[in-house]
Amino acid sequence: MQHTDLMEGRADGNVVEPFDVLIVGAGFAGMYMLHLARRLGLSAVVLETASGVGGTWFWNRYPGARCDVESMQYSYSFSEELQQEWHWTERYASQPEILAYANHVARKLDLLRDIEFNTRVIRAAFQEEDCRWSVSTDRGTQYRAKWCVMATGCLSATQTPNIPGLDTFKGGTYHTGNWPHEGVTLSGQNVGVIGTGSSGIQVVPELAKQAKHLYVFQRTPNFSIPARNRPMDPEYEDSWKTNYAERRALARSMPAGILSQFGDKSALAVSPEERLQEYERRWAAGGTSFLAAYPDLLKSAEANETAAEFVREKIRHVVQNPTLAEQLVPVDHPIGAKRICADTQYFETFNRENVTLVDLRANPIREISPEGITAGSDFYDLDSLVLATGFDAITGALSKIDIVGRQGLTLKEKWRDGPNTYLGLMSSGFPNLFIVTGPGSPSVLTNVIVAIEDNGRWIADCLAHLVEADAEYIEATASAEETWMDQVREAAEGTLYTQAKSWYLGVNIPGKPAVFMPYVGGVPTYQKICDEVAAAGYRGFSIGTRLKRTGRNMEAQRC
């Protein structure tokens, strides 16, 4: 299909000729959307803040950075050629290898010619008079496009803690989510790490190998399962490559879009001996599929406690100092209610003589001075400080852009009390604006590349439908959006996810409303709903050839 309504974009000073599709972000979502737009014959451009592709894997270069989904699954499935030719070297791929894969895909599909790097989008405004988006960048360039796709990522807006004196620290300060590309040498230094979430759990063992002394400032202990990472087994790799289509289909039939062995009995329906044996088996195998042992681990507090106490006992067994072990044992949330971590020698690291845990619940940070950190009554002299403080997840990257919809409505204002979308794909009041893995979709609870591909295909099919119908716009209706967000809330309330103060609810960001953002119904259920909506003529969306003004209101005209 060749669409010629709009000219292919070409720069002329600070004004760029219009595109059919403008995509924000050149991570795995943005690259896939560009590929799909081209296949539809649409002119497209990608605007990317970084100097290269990869999204979160471009920025998160800290020592130990690694994916917690097996590499044979954390990859695109749309191209058999890509699946067959790429060789992963480890069970869980490291950041450099994932970034190399992203660059390989970009070269293979010739994507780079349509990506504008070092270009930050600062504003996107919908023009009601002609149903086009006007997009401004920090370089002073203005773009126009009929459709805008936000592929900004769920974990891309870093969160820096508001600690008094942080800006006065004279040593090196590094955020795991924006690690220097030239690398950092911390050998022989006294190093502080603030944060013990996924990034902290990965970086701590690596920094302990370099630092003269490592101080780990922990507010909340987290559950973590050994990753049991190892070099790729050629036979295992071959078993996937000879059955990729079948295994990908099976993965998509599972809640997280990850092929795992799921138990079918309640954790409470088996004997304690059988349950212990199953937990031991999964602990030995490693990885976050530990939580797939029983289907009610995230639904029943009693069932969950059996898994949580098993992991607590493992921590107590690994950490040699009993007092220290108790400080590392999570007791304030169900296992899995916060993002479960997969580690390499994290708890073992606290047996090293050069590692000290600082319990911030007992001794909160009072201030950071030029020479170090005061926590409680103790002062810690530091040469470097690492902030493993995570992200403003799911909505953070979108909130950094001034997005303006119909009648001057801003997305920030609309989402003031929490994000509202229809299927996580669009938000009413913002015609022709699509979101990949947005709030209200499974996103961060899945193998995100599966979520990206499913959202991407849905958006591409929708664009093809709009082109065929000669439609000017598509917009989620307010009623469909309200109904969907009720479903998202109800699904979360039926689980233990809401019993943890996690970034799933945004509670790590001061002032952000505590709303559980992902859809927990699982990949198969979500995709079935999305497919049914499309098959019913995009039920819940208003599609029209023009926007008709009635007084001050815009009246939607369905094609």
Protein backbone atom coordinates (compact mmCIF):
# COMPACT_ATOMS: atom_id res chain seq x y z
CA MET A 1 0.00 0.00 0.00
CA GLN A 2 1.48 3.36 -1.02
CA HIS A 3 0.11 6.44 0.68
CA THR A 4 0.93 9.75 -0.99
CA ASP A 5 -1.30 12.17 0.92
CA LEU A 6 1.73 13.66 2.60
CA MET A 7 5.16 14.34 1.20
CA GLU A 8 8.19 12.57 2.58
CA GLY A 9 9.71 14.84 5.19
CA ARG A 10 12.59 17.06 4.17
CA ALA A 11 14.20 19.74 6.30
CA ASP A 12 14.09 23.37 5.15
CA GLY A 13 15.75 25.46 7.81
CA ASN A 14 13.75 24.99 11.00
CA VAL A 15 10.62 23.74 9.22
CA VAL A 16 10.23 20.18 8.04
CA GLU A 17 7.80 19.04 5.36
CA PRO A 18 5.03 16.88 6.85
CA PHE A 19 5.20 13.15 7.45
CA ASP A 20 2.44 10.61 7.66
CA VAL A 21 3.82 9.18 10.92
CA LEU A 22 6.08 10.78 13.49
CA ILE A 23 7.53 8.40 16.08
CA VAL A 24 9.12 9.56 19.33
CA GLY A 25 11.84 7.20 20.57
CA ALA A 26 14.26 4.83 18.86
CA GLY A 27 14.19 1.94 21.30
CA PHE A 28 12.74 -1.43 20.35
CA ALA A 29 9.24 0.09 20.09
CA GLY A 30 10.25 3.01 17.91
CA MET A 31 12.35 0.89 15.57
CA TYR A 32 9.53 -1.60 15.11
CA MET A 33 6.98 1.15 14.46
CA LEU A 34 9.26 2.66 11.81
CA HIS A 35 9.58 -0.73 10.13
CA LEU A 36 5.79 -1.20 10.17
CA ALA A 37 5.09 2.31 8.85
CA ARG A 38 7.41 1.73 5.92
CA ARG A 39 5.69 -1.56 5.12
CA LEU A 40 2.42 0.38 4.87
CA GLY A 41 4.03 2.78 2.42
CA LEU A 42 3.79 5.68 4.85
CA SER A 43 6.40 8.38 5.18
CA ALA A 44 7.83 8.27 8.69
CA VAL A 45 10.49 9.79 10.90
CA VAL A 46 11.77 8.89 14.35
CA LEU A 47 12.98 11.55 16.77
CA GLU A 48 15.40 10.30 19.41
CA THR A 49 17.12 12.15 22.27
CA ALA A 50 20.12 9.79 22.32
CA SER A 51 22.89 9.55 19.75
CA GLY A 52 21.98 5.94 18.92
CA VAL A 53 19.22 3.35 18.99
CA GLY A 54 18.41 1.06 21.90
CA GLY A 55 16.22 3.12 24.21
CA THR A 56 16.75 2.16 27.84
CA TRP A 57 19.63 -0.12 26.81
CA PHE A 58 21.44 2.89 25.31
CA TRP A 59 21.43 4.69 28.67
CA ASN A 60 21.64 1.91 31.28
CA ARG A 61 25.32 1.01 30.89
CA TYR A 62 26.13 0.48 34.55
CA PRO A 63 28.29 -2.52 35.52
CA GLY A 64 26.13 -5.63 35.75
CA ALA A 65 23.25 -4.28 33.65
CA ARG A 66 21.43 -7.31 32.28
CA CYS A 67 17.96 -8.34 31.12
CA ASP A 68 15.86 -10.54 33.42
CA VAL A 69 14.09 -12.25 30.49
CA GLU A 70 16.04 -15.04 28.80
CA SER A 71 17.83 -13.82 25.70
CA MET A 72 16.20 -16.39 23.42
CA GLN A 73 12.89 -14.71 24.24
CA TYR A 74 13.99 -11.08 24.66
CA SER A 75 14.19 -10.40 20.93
CA TYR A 76 11.97 -9.62 17.98
CA SER A 77 9.79 -12.42 16.66
CA PHE A 78 8.50 -10.73 13.49
CA SER A 79 11.52 -11.72 11.37
CA GLU A 80 12.59 -15.35 11.08
CA GLU A 81 15.82 -14.19 9.48
CA LEU A 82 16.67 -12.05 12.50
CA GLN A 83 15.82 -14.90 14.84
CA GLN A 84 18.05 -17.35 13.04
CA GLU A 85 21.10 -15.21 12.34
CA TRP A 86 21.59 -13.60 15.74
CA HIS A 87 23.58 -15.56 18.31
CA TRP A 88 23.17 -14.74 21.99
CA THR A 89 26.21 -15.63 24.08
CA GLU A 90 24.53 -15.94 27.50
CA ARG A 91 21.31 -17.20 29.03
CA TYR A 92 20.53 -13.62 30.12
CA ALA A 93 21.95 -11.01 27.79
CA SER A 94 24.08 -8.16 29.12
CA GLN A 95 23.47 -4.52 28.20
CA PRO A 96 26.32 -4.37 25.64
CA GLU A 97 24.97 -7.42 23.84
CA ILE A 98 21.38 -6.13 23.79
CA LEU A 99 22.60 -2.79 22.44
CA ALA A 100 24.64 -4.61 19.79
CA TYR A 101 21.48 -6.51 18.82
CA ALA A 102 19.49 -3.26 18.54
CA ASN A 103 22.16 -1.79 16.28
CA HIS A 104 22.22 -4.96 14.19
CA VAL A 105 18.46 -4.70 13.65
CA ALA A 106 18.72 -1.01 12.76
CA ARG A 107 21.36 -1.75 10.12
CA LYS A 108 19.64 -4.88 8.84
CA LEU A 109 16.36 -3.04 8.25
CA ASP A 110 18.07 0.16 7.07
CA LEU A 111 16.31 2.18 9.76
CA LEU A 112 19.01 4.73 10.53
CA ARG A 113 18.27 6.96 7.52
CA ASP A 114 14.87 7.85 8.99
CA ILE A 115 15.98 8.47 12.59
CA GLU A 116 16.95 11.94 13.79
CA PHE A 117 19.33 11.46 16.72
CA ASN A 118 20.31 13.99 19.37
CA THR A 119 16.82 15.44 19.02
CA ARG A 120 14.60 15.84 22.07
CA VAL A 121 10.88 16.40 21.58
CA ILE A 122 9.74 19.18 23.89
CA ARG A 123 6.19 19.81 22.64
CA ALA A 124 3.53 18.09 20.57
CA ALA A 125 0.31 19.99 19.84
CA PHE A 126 -2.74 18.82 17.91
CA GLN A 127 -3.89 21.30 15.25
CA GLU A 128 -7.68 21.07 15.09
CA GLU A 129 -8.03 22.94 11.82
CA ASP A 130 -6.36 20.20 9.77
CA CYS A 131 -6.07 17.23 12.17
CA ARG A 132 -2.27 17.30 12.24
CA TRP A 133 0.28 17.13 15.03
CA SER A 134 2.86 19.90 15.30
CA VAL A 135 5.98 18.66 17.07
CA SER A 136 8.76 20.92 18.38
CA THR A 137 12.28 19.85 19.34
CA ASP A 138 15.10 21.27 21.42
CA ARG A 139 16.97 21.99 18.19
CA GLY A 140 14.32 24.49 17.15
CA THR A 141 13.01 22.22 14.40
CA GLN A 142 9.27 21.97 13.77
CA TYR A 143 7.72 18.75 12.44
CA ARG A 144 4.20 18.05 11.26
CA ALA A 145 2.55 14.66 10.97
CA LYS A 146 -0.90 13.18 10.58
CA TRP A 147 -0.26 10.50 13.20
CA CYS A 148 2.05 10.64 16.18
CA VAL A 149 3.29 7.49 17.96
CA MET A 150 4.81 7.81 21.41
CA ALA A 151 7.38 5.01 21.70
CA THR A 152 9.07 6.68 24.66
CA GLY A 153 9.42 3.58 26.81
CA CYS A 154 8.26 2.62 30.30
CA LEU A 155 11.65 2.83 32.00
CA SER A 156 13.41 5.77 30.40
CA ALA A 157 12.79 8.81 32.64
CA THR A 158 15.32 8.58 35.46
CA GLN A 159 14.39 9.52 39.03
CA THR A 160 16.91 11.50 41.06
CA PRO A 161 16.12 11.61 44.79
CA ASN A 162 15.48 14.95 46.45
CA ILE A 163 18.11 14.67 49.19
CA PRO A 164 19.39 17.85 50.84
CA GLY A 165 22.92 18.65 49.71
CA LEU A 166 23.06 16.20 46.80
CA ASP A 167 24.23 18.93 44.45
CA THR A 168 27.07 19.86 46.81
CA PHE A 169 28.82 16.47 46.71
CA LYS A 170 32.32 16.97 45.30
CA GLY A 171 32.94 13.40 44.16
CA GLY A 172 31.60 11.72 41.07
CA THR A 173 27.83 11.21 41.01
CA TYR A 174 26.42 8.61 38.63
CA HIS A 175 22.86 7.46 37.94
CA THR A 176 22.46 3.85 36.82
CA GLY A 177 19.85 4.97 34.29
CA ASN A 178 22.22 7.49 32.67
CA TRP A 179 25.64 5.89 33.07
CA PRO A 180 28.62 7.60 31.37
CA HIS A 181 29.36 6.00 28.00
CA GLU A 182 33.08 6.27 28.53
CA GLY A 183 32.77 4.12 31.64
CA VAL A 184 33.69 4.86 35.23
CA THR A 185 36.72 3.74 37.21
CA LEU A 186 35.95 3.28 40.90
CA SER A 187 38.93 1.17 41.88
CA GLY A 188 40.36 2.02 45.29
CA GLN A 189 37.50 4.39 46.13
CA ASN A 190 34.95 4.58 48.91
CA VAL A 191 31.69 4.29 46.99
CA GLY A 192 28.10 4.78 48.12
CA VAL A 193 25.11 3.22 46.37
CA ILE A 194 21.64 4.57 47.09
CA GLY A 195 18.86 2.17 46.09
CA THR A 196 18.36 -1.59 46.16
CA GLY A 197 15.80 -2.19 43.43
CA SER A 198 16.60 -4.06 40.22
CA SER A 199 19.45 -1.72 39.18
CA GLY A 200 20.96 -1.64 42.66
CA ILE A 201 20.81 -5.40 43.00
CA GLN A 202 22.67 -5.75 39.69
CA VAL A 203 25.29 -3.06 40.21
CA VAL A 204 26.24 -3.75 43.86
CA PRO A 205 28.12 -7.04 43.26
CA GLU A 206 30.12 -5.48 40.44
CA LEU A 207 31.03 -2.32 42.35
CA ALA A 208 32.08 -4.41 45.37
CA LYS A 209 34.76 -5.99 43.19
CA GLN A 210 36.24 -2.55 42.39
CA ALA A 211 35.70 -0.36 45.42
CA LYS A 212 38.01 -0.02 48.38
CA HIS A 213 34.81 0.02 50.41
CA LEU A 214 31.19 -0.06 49.27
CA TYR A 215 28.37 1.41 51.35
CA VAL A 216 24.91 0.26 50.28
CA PHE A 217 22.18 2.63 51.47
CA GLN A 218 18.99 0.60 51.66
CA ARG A 219 15.54 1.92 52.44
CA THR A 220 13.51 -1.14 51.44
CA PRO A 221 14.90 -4.68 51.16
CA ASN A 222 13.73 -6.54 48.08
CA PHE A 223 13.14 -10.12 47.08
CA SER A 224 15.57 -11.49 44.52
CA ILE A 225 16.08 -14.88 42.90
CA PRO A 226 19.47 -16.09 41.64
CA ALA A 227 19.61 -15.68 37.85
CA ARG A 228 21.93 -18.67 37.39
CA ASN A 229 23.29 -16.96 34.32
CA ARG A 230 25.66 -18.98 32.15
CA PRO A 231 27.10 -19.14 28.64
CA MET A 232 24.54 -20.07 26.01
CA ASP A 233 24.17 -23.83 25.61
CA PRO A 234 24.35 -24.57 21.85
CA GLU A 235 21.80 -27.34 22.19
CA TYR A 236 19.41 -25.05 24.04
CA GLU A 237 19.85 -22.35 21.40
CA ASP A 238 19.22 -24.87 18.64
CA SER A 239 16.09 -26.16 20.35
CA TRP A 240 14.67 -22.64 20.13
CA LYS A 241 15.79 -21.91 16.60
CA THR A 242 14.28 -25.11 15.23
CA ASN A 243 10.93 -24.41 16.94
CA TYR A 244 10.79 -20.62 17.21
CA ALA A 245 7.30 -20.18 15.74
CA GLU A 246 5.78 -22.79 18.03
CA ARG A 247 7.57 -21.47 21.13
CA ARG A 248 6.71 -17.85 20.41
CA ALA A 249 3.04 -18.83 20.07
CA LEU A 250 3.19 -20.71 23.37
CA ALA A 251 4.84 -17.73 25.04
CA ARG A 252 2.04 -15.46 23.85
CA SER A 253 -0.47 -17.81 25.44
CA MET A 254 1.09 -17.18 28.87
CA PRO A 255 0.30 -14.22 31.16
CA ALA A 256 3.62 -12.43 30.86
CA GLY A 257 4.30 -13.44 27.25
CA ILE A 258 7.21 -15.52 28.54
CA LEU A 259 7.47 -19.24 27.93
CA SER A 260 7.63 -20.77 31.40
CA GLN A 261 6.53 -23.90 33.16
CA PHE A 262 3.39 -22.87 35.05
CA GLY A 263 2.04 -24.83 37.97
CA ASP A 264 -1.67 -25.60 37.88
CA LYS A 265 -2.38 -26.25 41.57
CA SER A 266 -2.77 -23.84 44.45
CA ALA A 267 0.28 -23.53 46.66
CA LEU A 268 -2.07 -24.47 49.50
CA ALA A 269 -3.39 -27.59 47.78
CA VAL A 270 -0.11 -29.50 48.01
CA SER A 271 1.76 -30.81 51.02
CA PRO A 272 4.49 -28.67 52.62
CA GLU A 273 7.04 -31.27 51.49
CA GLU A 274 5.91 -31.12 47.85
CA ARG A 275 5.81 -27.33 47.93
CA LEU A 276 9.32 -27.11 49.37
CA GLN A 277 10.60 -29.47 46.70
CA GLU A 278 9.07 -27.32 43.96
CA TYR A 279 10.52 -24.12 45.37
CA GLU A 280 13.94 -25.74 45.69
CA ARG A 281 13.76 -26.91 42.08
CA ARG A 282 12.92 -23.46 40.79
CA TRP A 283 15.50 -21.78 43.04
CA ALA A 284 18.16 -24.08 41.59
CA ALA A 285 16.99 -23.36 38.03
CA GLY A 286 17.13 -19.61 38.67
CA GLY A 287 15.23 -16.70 37.20
CA THR A 288 11.94 -14.96 37.81
CA SER A 289 9.89 -17.98 36.67
CA PHE A 290 10.13 -18.94 40.34
CA LEU A 291 6.80 -17.12 40.71
CA ALA A 292 5.16 -19.40 38.13
CA ALA A 293 5.33 -22.31 40.59
CA TYR A 294 1.70 -21.86 41.65
CA PRO A 295 -1.08 -19.81 40.01
CA ASP A 296 -2.26 -18.18 43.24
CA LEU A 297 1.04 -16.71 44.45
CA LEU A 298 -0.06 -13.19 43.46
CA LYS A 299 -3.69 -13.68 44.42
CA SER A 300 -3.65 -15.32 47.85
CA ALA A 301 -1.73 -13.75 50.73
CA GLU A 302 -1.50 -17.13 52.43
CA ALA A 303 -0.12 -18.81 49.32
CA ASN A 304 2.27 -15.93 48.71
CA GLU A 305 3.66 -16.18 52.23
CA THR A 306 4.86 -19.73 51.55
CA ALA A 307 7.05 -18.48 48.69
CA ALA A 308 8.11 -15.34 50.52
CA GLU A 309 9.25 -17.24 53.61
CA PHE A 310 11.15 -19.72 51.44
CA VAL A 311 13.15 -16.87 49.90
CA ARG A 312 13.67 -15.20 53.28
CA GLU A 313 15.18 -18.43 54.61
CA LYS A 314 17.50 -18.56 51.58
CA ILE A 315 18.69 -15.04 52.36
CA ARG A 316 19.30 -15.98 55.98
CA HIS A 317 21.27 -19.01 54.84
CA VAL A 318 23.44 -17.04 52.40
CA VAL A 319 24.22 -13.99 54.56
CA GLN A 320 26.57 -15.09 57.31
CA ASN A 321 25.87 -12.30 59.82
CA PRO A 322 22.40 -12.99 61.32
CA THR A 323 21.72 -9.34 62.16
CA LEU A 324 22.69 -8.23 58.68
CA ALA A 325 20.61 -11.01 57.14
CA GLU A 326 17.49 -9.75 58.94
CA GLN A 327 18.12 -6.27 57.57
CA LEU A 328 18.16 -7.72 54.05
CA VAL A 329 15.02 -9.81 54.50
CA PRO A 330 11.88 -8.21 52.96
CA VAL A 331 8.90 -8.27 55.31
CA ASP A 332 6.70 -5.35 54.23
CA HIS A 333 5.32 -6.59 50.90
CA PRO A 334 4.30 -9.85 49.19
CA ILE A 335 6.92 -11.45 46.99
CA GLY A 336 6.32 -10.39 43.40
CA ALA A 337 4.13 -7.41 44.33
CA LYS A 338 7.20 -5.33 43.58
CA ARG A 339 9.18 -6.22 40.49
CA ILE A 340 10.93 -9.47 41.31
CA CYS A 341 14.68 -9.27 40.77
CA ALA A 342 17.12 -11.79 39.33
CA ASP A 343 20.64 -11.42 40.68
CA THR A 344 24.18 -12.71 40.45
CA GLN A 345 25.71 -13.06 43.92
CA TYR A 346 23.83 -10.10 45.38
CA PHE A 347 23.24 -11.43 48.87
CA GLU A 348 26.66 -13.15 48.88
CA THR A 349 28.23 -9.73 48.34
CA PHE A 350 27.28 -8.70 51.88
CA ASN A 351 29.66 -11.35 53.22
CA ARG A 352 32.58 -9.32 51.88
CA GLU A 353 34.63 -7.31 54.36
CA ASN A 354 34.61 -4.27 52.09
CA VAL A 355 30.77 -4.00 51.95
CA THR A 356 28.59 -2.26 54.54
CA LEU A 357 24.81 -2.10 54.53
CA VAL A 358 23.29 1.12 55.83
CA ASP A 359 19.70 0.59 56.94
CA LEU A 360 17.94 3.84 56.11
CA ARG A 361 14.78 2.90 57.97
CA ALA A 362 16.76 2.85 61.20
CA ASN A 363 19.15 5.61 60.14
CA PRO A 364 17.61 7.89 57.48
CA ILE A 365 19.83 10.07 55.32
CA ARG A 366 19.96 13.51 56.92
CA GLU A 367 22.06 15.21 54.28
CA ILE A 368 24.72 14.87 51.64
CA SER A 369 27.74 17.11 52.08
CA PRO A 370 30.73 17.73 49.79
CA GLU A 371 32.59 14.81 51.42
CA GLY A 372 29.87 12.21 51.90
CA ILE A 373 26.57 11.19 53.48
CA THR A 374 25.22 11.59 56.99
CA ALA A 375 22.72 8.86 57.87
CA GLY A 376 21.37 8.85 61.39
CA SER A 377 24.27 9.87 63.59
CA ASP A 378 26.93 8.35 61.34
CA PHE A 379 28.96 10.01 58.59
CA TYR A 380 30.21 8.07 55.55
CA ASP A 381 33.19 9.54 53.75
CA LEU A 382 32.74 8.89 50.01
CA ASP A 383 34.73 9.42 46.82
CA SER A 384 31.86 8.53 44.45
CA LEU A 385 28.10 8.17 44.71
CA VAL A 386 25.91 5.89 42.59
CA LEU A 387 22.19 6.60 42.41
CA ALA A 388 20.34 3.36 41.70
CA THR A 389 17.06 5.15 42.28
CA GLY A 390 15.15 3.97 39.25
CA PHE A 391 12.62 5.71 37.06
CA ASP A 392 9.47 7.71 36.84
CA ALA A 393 7.98 4.61 35.27
CA ILE A 394 5.43 4.22 32.48
CA THR A 395 4.30 7.87 32.32
CA GLY A 396 7.53 9.70 33.14
CA ALA A 397 8.85 10.12 29.61
CA LEU A 398 5.44 11.33 28.38
CA SER A 399 5.16 13.86 31.21
CA LYS A 400 8.44 15.45 30.10
CA ILE A 401 6.81 16.44 26.79
CA ASP A 402 4.24 19.25 26.64
CA ILE A 403 1.51 17.27 24.87
CA VAL A 404 -1.51 19.40 23.94
CA GLY A 405 -4.71 17.90 22.55
CA ARG A 406 -8.09 19.28 21.56
CA GLN A 407 -9.19 22.66 22.95
CA GLY A 408 -5.80 23.19 24.59
CA LEU A 409 -6.13 20.20 26.93
CA THR A 410 -2.68 19.05 28.09
CA LEU A 411 -1.92 15.43 28.87
CA LYS A 412 -0.37 16.48 32.18
CA GLU A 413 -3.61 18.15 33.22
CA LYS A 414 -5.77 15.27 32.08
CA TRP A 415 -3.57 12.77 33.93
CA ARG A 416 -3.24 14.92 37.05
CA ASP A 417 -5.08 12.31 39.16
CA GLY A 418 -3.59 9.34 37.32
CA PRO A 419 -3.28 8.22 33.70
CA ASN A 420 -6.41 7.40 31.71
CA THR A 421 -6.26 5.54 28.41
CA TYR A 422 -8.28 3.19 26.29
CA LEU A 423 -6.40 -0.12 26.05
CA GLY A 424 -3.21 1.75 26.92
CA LEU A 425 -3.12 2.79 23.26
CA MET A 426 -4.86 6.19 23.13
CA SER A 427 -6.24 8.84 25.49
CA SER A 428 -9.48 10.69 24.75
CA GLY A 429 -9.00 14.30 23.78
CA PHE A 430 -5.81 13.47 21.87
CA PRO A 431 -6.77 12.36 18.34
CA ASN A 432 -4.24 10.51 16.18
CA LEU A 433 -1.87 10.10 19.15
CA PHE A 434 -0.90 6.48 19.80
CA ILE A 435 1.10 5.14 22.75
CA VAL A 436 3.15 1.94 22.70
CA THR A 437 3.03 0.02 26.02
CA GLY A 438 1.17 2.86 27.66
CA PRO A 439 -0.52 2.89 31.07
CA GLY A 440 -3.48 0.53 31.03
CA SER A 441 -1.63 -2.09 28.98
CA PRO A 442 0.36 -5.11 30.29
CA SER A 443 3.69 -3.39 29.48
CA VAL A 444 6.12 -3.82 32.41
CA LEU A 445 4.45 -7.02 33.64
CA THR A 446 5.51 -8.82 30.47
CA ASN A 447 8.39 -9.62 28.19
CA VAL A 448 8.17 -6.06 26.94
CA ILE A 449 9.23 -6.94 23.39
CA VAL A 450 6.14 -9.13 23.11
CA ALA A 451 4.06 -6.18 24.34
CA ILE A 452 5.82 -3.87 21.88
CA GLU A 453 5.17 -6.16 18.93
CA ASP A 454 1.52 -6.70 19.85
CA ASN A 455 0.87 -2.98 20.32
CA GLY A 456 2.86 -2.15 17.20
CA ARG A 457 0.91 -4.54 14.99
CA TRP A 458 -2.38 -3.26 16.36
CA ILE A 459 -1.40 0.35 15.64
CA ALA A 460 -0.17 -0.54 12.14
CA ASP A 461 -3.40 -2.39 11.34
CA CYS A 462 -5.34 0.60 12.63
CA LEU A 463 -3.36 2.97 10.41
CA ALA A 464 -4.01 0.73 7.41
CA HIS A 465 -7.73 0.84 8.23
CA LEU A 466 -7.67 4.63 8.51
CA VAL A 467 -5.87 5.01 5.20
CA GLU A 468 -8.29 2.65 3.48
CA ALA A 469 -11.26 4.59 4.90
CA ASP A 470 -9.67 7.92 3.99
CA ALA A 471 -10.16 8.92 7.62
CA GLU A 472 -8.68 12.08 9.04
CA TYR A 473 -8.65 11.09 12.66
CA ILE A 474 -9.22 8.44 15.30
CA GLU A 475 -9.84 9.18 18.95
CA ALA A 476 -10.73 7.10 21.99
CA THR A 477 -14.15 7.98 23.39
CA ALA A 478 -14.38 9.12 26.98
CA SER A 479 -16.92 6.43 27.84
CA ALA A 480 -14.79 3.59 26.44
CA GLU A 481 -11.78 4.96 28.27
CA GLU A 482 -13.64 5.14 31.57
CA THR A 483 -14.92 1.59 31.19
CA TRP A 484 -11.44 0.30 30.37
CA MET A 485 -9.78 2.02 33.30
CA ASP A 486 -12.40 0.48 35.58
CA GLN A 487 -11.36 -2.92 34.21
CA VAL A 488 -7.70 -2.12 34.82
CA ARG A 489 -8.41 -1.14 38.42
CA GLU A 490 -10.62 -4.16 39.07
CA ALA A 491 -8.00 -6.52 37.68
CA ALA A 492 -5.33 -5.05 39.96
CA GLU A 493 -7.58 -5.15 43.01
CA GLY A 494 -7.97 -8.89 42.55
CA THR A 495 -4.24 -9.37 43.13
CA LEU A 496 -1.58 -8.63 45.73
CA TYR A 497 0.13 -6.02 43.54
CA THR A 498 -1.62 -3.15 45.31
CA GLN A 499 -0.22 -4.25 48.68
CA ALA A 500 3.27 -2.97 47.90
CA LYS A 501 4.54 0.60 47.64
CA SER A 502 6.06 0.12 44.22
CA TRP A 503 6.84 2.08 41.08
CA TYR A 504 3.95 0.18 39.48
CA LEU A 505 1.81 2.67 41.42
CA GLY A 506 4.23 5.56 41.00
CA VAL A 507 4.78 5.98 44.75
CA ASN A 508 8.52 6.43 44.23
CA ILE A 509 7.82 9.83 42.65
CA PRO A 510 6.90 12.65 45.07
CA GLY A 511 3.48 14.07 44.21
CA LYS A 512 2.61 11.40 41.67
CA PRO A 513 -0.87 9.93 42.28
CA ALA A 514 -0.81 6.37 43.59
CA VAL A 515 -2.54 4.54 40.75
CA PHE A 516 -1.68 1.00 39.65
CA MET A 517 -0.75 1.62 36.01
CA PRO A 518 -0.29 -1.72 34.20
CA TYR A 519 -3.10 -4.06 33.17
CA VAL A 520 -2.65 -7.32 35.10
CA GLY A 521 -5.07 -9.44 33.07
CA GLY A 522 -2.20 -10.94 31.08
CA VAL A 523 -1.04 -10.90 27.47
CA PRO A 524 -3.59 -13.37 26.00
CA THR A 525 -6.63 -11.68 27.57
CA TYR A 526 -5.42 -8.19 26.67
CA GLN A 527 -4.61 -9.08 23.09
CA LYS A 528 -7.98 -10.82 22.66
CA ILE A 529 -9.72 -7.64 23.82
CA CYS A 530 -7.66 -5.48 21.45
CA ASP A 531 -8.36 -7.79 18.51
CA GLU A 532 -12.09 -7.84 19.28
CA VAL A 533 -12.16 -4.04 19.43
CA ALA A 534 -10.55 -3.84 15.99
CA ALA A 535 -12.80 -6.54 14.51
CA ALA A 536 -15.85 -4.60 15.69
CA GLY A 537 -14.84 -1.59 13.62
CA TYR A 538 -12.63 -0.14 16.35
CA ARG A 539 -15.34 -0.14 18.98
CA GLY A 540 -14.81 2.59 21.54
CA PHE A 541 -13.02 4.83 19.08
CA SER A 542 -14.43 7.73 17.12
CA ILE A 543 -13.23 7.73 13.52
CA GLY A 544 -14.03 10.53 11.12
CA THR A 545 -13.16 12.28 7.91
CA ARG A 546 -13.04 15.66 9.62
CA LEU A 547 -13.57 17.39 12.93
CA LYS A 548 -16.70 19.50 12.74
CA ARG A 549 -16.88 22.52 15.03
CA THR A 550 -20.14 23.07 16.86
CA GLY A 551 -19.81 26.19 18.98
CA ARG A 552 -16.68 25.63 21.03
CA ASN A 553 -16.92 21.85 20.82
CA MET A 554 -15.54 19.48 18.24
CA GLU A 555 -18.17 17.07 16.97
CA ALA A 556 -16.81 13.67 15.96
CA GLN A 557 -17.99 12.48 12.54
CA ARG A 558 -17.74 8.73 12.06
CA CYS A 559 -16.85 7.55 8.55
